[in-house]
């Protein structure tokens, strides 16, 4: 897999939100809990992103044979290893968002 392809996946906004939300939820959560935890995500996008994360080895999916069926997602060691750089990116954004907004305003005024 090319580095660019993997960077595109792990740098996707929904991947970042899901990984951080799973961590905040204790590393394991039901689909509905994730849906509530990730603002603005559709069921379809959540499902698609979780499938990609599962395929890439970042999360595992466990189906419980209940009525109605219960599905839980859990971060793997590989998924947890993504937390530090992801949190670093979020911290950078928190520290620098105002500088970026100011630069945008200056640019737009020209």
C-alpha atoms as a PDB file:
ATOM      1  CA  UNK A   1       0.000   0.000   0.000  1.00  0.00           C
ATOM      2  CA  UNK A   2       1.355   3.377  -0.889  1.00  0.00           C
ATOM      3  CA  UNK A   3       2.105   5.788   1.931  1.00  0.00           C
ATOM      4  CA  UNK A   4      -0.146   8.372   0.304  1.00  0.00           C
ATOM      5  CA  UNK A   5      -3.126   5.995   0.339  1.00  0.00           C
ATOM      6  CA  UNK A   6      -2.740   5.218   4.032  1.00  0.00           C
ATOM      7  CA  UNK A   7      -2.213   8.886   4.904  1.00  0.00           C
ATOM      8  CA  UNK A   8      -5.410   9.715   3.053  1.00  0.00           C
ATOM      9  CA  UNK A   9      -7.288   7.120   5.119  1.00  0.00           C
ATOM     10  CA  UNK A  10      -5.949   7.991   8.555  1.00  0.00           C
ATOM     11  CA  UNK A  11      -6.078  11.722   7.845  1.00  0.00           C
ATOM     12  CA  UNK A  12      -9.746  11.616   6.846  1.00  0.00           C
ATOM     13  CA  UNK A  13     -11.887  13.756   9.150  1.00  0.00           C
ATOM     14  CA  UNK A  14     -14.294  10.930   9.953  1.00  0.00           C
ATOM     15  CA  UNK A  15     -11.469   8.538  10.803  1.00  0.00           C
ATOM     16  CA  UNK A  16      -9.985  11.105  13.167  1.00  0.00           C
ATOM     17  CA  UNK A  17     -13.342  11.774  14.860  1.00  0.00           C
ATOM     18  CA  UNK A  18     -14.144   8.059  15.171  1.00  0.00           C
ATOM     19  CA  UNK A  19     -10.738   7.139  16.608  1.00  0.00           C
ATOM     20  CA  UNK A  20     -10.886   9.973  19.142  1.00  0.00           C
ATOM     21  CA  UNK A  21     -14.518   9.188  20.023  1.00  0.00           C
ATOM     22  CA  UNK A  22     -13.766   5.499  20.510  1.00  0.00           C
ATOM     23  CA  UNK A  23     -10.960   6.468  22.869  1.00  0.00           C
ATOM     24  CA  UNK A  24     -13.252   8.809  24.828  1.00  0.00           C
ATOM     25  CA  UNK A  25     -15.811   6.008  25.056  1.00  0.00           C
ATOM     26  CA  UNK A  26     -13.241   3.694  26.651  1.00  0.00           C
ATOM     27  CA  UNK A  27     -11.906   2.051  23.494  1.00  0.00           C
ATOM     28  CA  UNK A  28     -15.083   0.056  22.849  1.00  0.00           C
ATOM     29  CA  UNK A  29     -18.536   1.259  21.820  1.00  0.00           C
ATOM     30  CA  UNK A  30     -21.777   0.343  20.135  1.00  0.00           C
ATOM     31  CA  UNK A  31     -22.629   1.769  16.737  1.00  0.00           C
ATOM     32  CA  UNK A  32     -25.327   4.010  18.225  1.00  0.00           C
ATOM     33  CA  UNK A  33     -22.914   5.388  20.843  1.00  0.00           C
ATOM     34  CA  UNK A  34     -20.436   6.292  18.112  1.00  0.00           C
ATOM     35  CA  UNK A  35     -23.172   7.861  16.044  1.00  0.00           C
ATOM     36  CA  UNK A  36     -24.067  10.140  18.961  1.00  0.00           C
ATOM     37  CA  UNK A  37     -20.416  10.877  19.744  1.00  0.00           C
ATOM     38  CA  UNK A  38     -19.403  11.966  16.228  1.00  0.00           C
ATOM     39  CA  UNK A  39     -21.217  15.194  15.363  1.00  0.00           C
ATOM     40  CA  UNK A  40     -22.591  15.434  11.836  1.00  0.00           C
ATOM     41  CA  UNK A  41     -21.768  11.910  10.687  1.00  0.00           C
ATOM     42  CA  UNK A  42     -24.437   9.979   8.807  1.00  0.00           C
ATOM     43  CA  UNK A  43     -25.160   6.319   9.504  1.00  0.00           C
ATOM     44  CA  UNK A  44     -23.872   5.467   6.053  1.00  0.00           C
ATOM     45  CA  UNK A  45     -20.571   7.323   6.534  1.00  0.00           C
ATOM     46  CA  UNK A  46     -20.094   5.880  10.018  1.00  0.00           C
ATOM     47  CA  UNK A  47     -20.708   2.369   8.718  1.00  0.00           C
ATOM     48  CA  UNK A  48     -18.389   2.865   5.751  1.00  0.00           C
ATOM     49  CA  UNK A  49     -15.580   4.345   7.847  1.00  0.00           C
ATOM     50  CA  UNK A  50     -15.880   1.607  10.482  1.00  0.00           C
ATOM     51  CA  UNK A  51     -15.657  -1.049   7.743  1.00  0.00           C
ATOM     52  CA  UNK A  52     -12.511   0.596   6.400  1.00  0.00           C
ATOM     53  CA  UNK A  53     -11.014   0.802   9.893  1.00  0.00           C
ATOM     54  CA  UNK A  54     -11.862  -2.858  10.451  1.00  0.00           C
ATOM     55  CA  UNK A  55     -10.346  -3.883   7.104  1.00  0.00           C
ATOM     56  CA  UNK A  56      -7.180  -1.922   7.914  1.00  0.00           C
ATOM     57  CA  UNK A  57      -6.861  -3.576  11.333  1.00  0.00           C
ATOM     58  CA  UNK A  58      -7.625  -0.490  13.414  1.00  0.00           C
ATOM     59  CA  UNK A  59     -10.867  -1.768  14.979  1.00  0.00           C
ATOM     60  CA  UNK A  60     -12.546  -5.096  15.528  1.00  0.00           C
ATOM     61  CA  UNK A  61     -16.267  -5.666  15.167  1.00  0.00           C
ATOM     62  CA  UNK A  62     -18.145  -8.035  17.436  1.00  0.00           C
ATOM     63  CA  UNK A  63     -21.719  -9.095  16.731  1.00  0.00           C
ATOM     64  CA  UNK A  64     -23.781 -10.317  19.668  1.00  0.00           C
ATOM     65  CA  UNK A  65     -26.636 -12.680  18.711  1.00  0.00           C
ATOM     66  CA  UNK A  66     -29.393 -10.806  20.525  1.00  0.00           C
ATOM     67  CA  UNK A  67     -32.728  -9.398  19.468  1.00  0.00           C
ATOM     68  CA  UNK A  68     -32.177  -6.806  18.203  1.00  0.00           C
ATOM     69  CA  UNK A  69     -28.569  -7.642  17.273  1.00  0.00           C
ATOM     70  CA  UNK A  70     -25.925  -5.687  19.150  1.00  0.00           C
ATOM     71  CA  UNK A  71     -22.662  -4.715  17.456  1.00  0.00           C
ATOM     72  CA  UNK A  72     -19.661  -3.317  19.269  1.00  0.00           C
ATOM     73  CA  UNK A  73     -16.466  -1.873  17.863  1.00  0.00           C
ATOM     74  CA  UNK A  74     -13.187  -1.951  19.720  1.00  0.00           C
ATOM     75  CA  UNK A  75      -9.867  -0.357  18.934  1.00  0.00           C
ATOM     76  CA  UNK A  76      -6.989  -2.712  18.277  1.00  0.00           C
ATOM     77  CA  UNK A  77      -3.410  -2.065  19.368  1.00  0.00           C
ATOM     78  CA  UNK A  78      -2.785  -0.672  15.893  1.00  0.00           C
ATOM     79  CA  UNK A  79      -5.787   1.661  16.244  1.00  0.00           C
ATOM     80  CA  UNK A  80      -4.647   2.802  19.685  1.00  0.00           C
ATOM     81  CA  UNK A  81      -1.211   3.578  18.236  1.00  0.00           C
ATOM     82  CA  UNK A  82      -2.943   6.136  15.985  1.00  0.00           C
ATOM     83  CA  UNK A  83      -4.241   8.072  19.015  1.00  0.00           C
ATOM     84  CA  UNK A  84      -1.027   9.905  19.834  1.00  0.00           C
ATOM     85  CA  UNK A  85      -0.419  11.422  16.406  1.00  0.00           C
ATOM     86  CA  UNK A  86      -4.137  12.114  15.978  1.00  0.00           C
ATOM     87  CA  UNK A  87      -4.336  13.877  19.331  1.00  0.00           C
ATOM     88  CA  UNK A  88      -1.200  15.804  18.374  1.00  0.00           C
ATOM     89  CA  UNK A  89      -2.948  17.062  15.251  1.00  0.00           C
ATOM     90  CA  UNK A  90      -6.028  18.072  17.243  1.00  0.00           C
ATOM     91  CA  UNK A  91      -3.831  19.873  19.788  1.00  0.00           C
ATOM     92  CA  UNK A  92      -2.062  21.739  16.969  1.00  0.00           C
ATOM     93  CA  UNK A  93      -5.418  22.840  15.539  1.00  0.00           C
ATOM     94  CA  UNK A  94      -6.595  24.043  18.951  1.00  0.00           C
ATOM     95  CA  UNK A  95      -3.393  26.067  19.415  1.00  0.00           C
ATOM     96  CA  UNK A  96      -3.286  27.556  15.923  1.00  0.00           C
ATOM     97  CA  UNK A  97      -6.830  27.911  14.619  1.00  0.00           C
ATOM     98  CA  UNK A  98      -6.985  31.625  15.407  1.00  0.00           C
ATOM     99  CA  UNK A  99      -3.727  32.296  13.534  1.00  0.00           C
ATOM    100  CA  UNK A 100      -5.117  30.445  10.524  1.00  0.00           C
ATOM    101  CA  UNK A 101      -8.374  32.438  10.678  1.00  0.00           C
ATOM    102  CA  UNK A 102      -6.405  35.682  10.896  1.00  0.00           C
ATOM    103  CA  UNK A 103      -4.289  34.702   7.891  1.00  0.00           C
ATOM    104  CA  UNK A 104      -7.448  33.822   5.941  1.00  0.00           C
ATOM    105  CA  UNK A 105      -8.967  37.206   6.779  1.00  0.00           C
ATOM    106  CA  UNK A 106      -5.821  39.042   5.655  1.00  0.00           C
ATOM    107  CA  UNK A 107      -5.756  37.036   2.430  1.00  0.00           C
ATOM    108  CA  UNK A 108      -9.461  37.637   1.757  1.00  0.00           C
ATOM    109  CA  UNK A 109      -9.078  41.389   2.300  1.00  0.00           C
ATOM    110  CA  UNK A 110      -6.529  41.656  -0.528  1.00  0.00           C
END
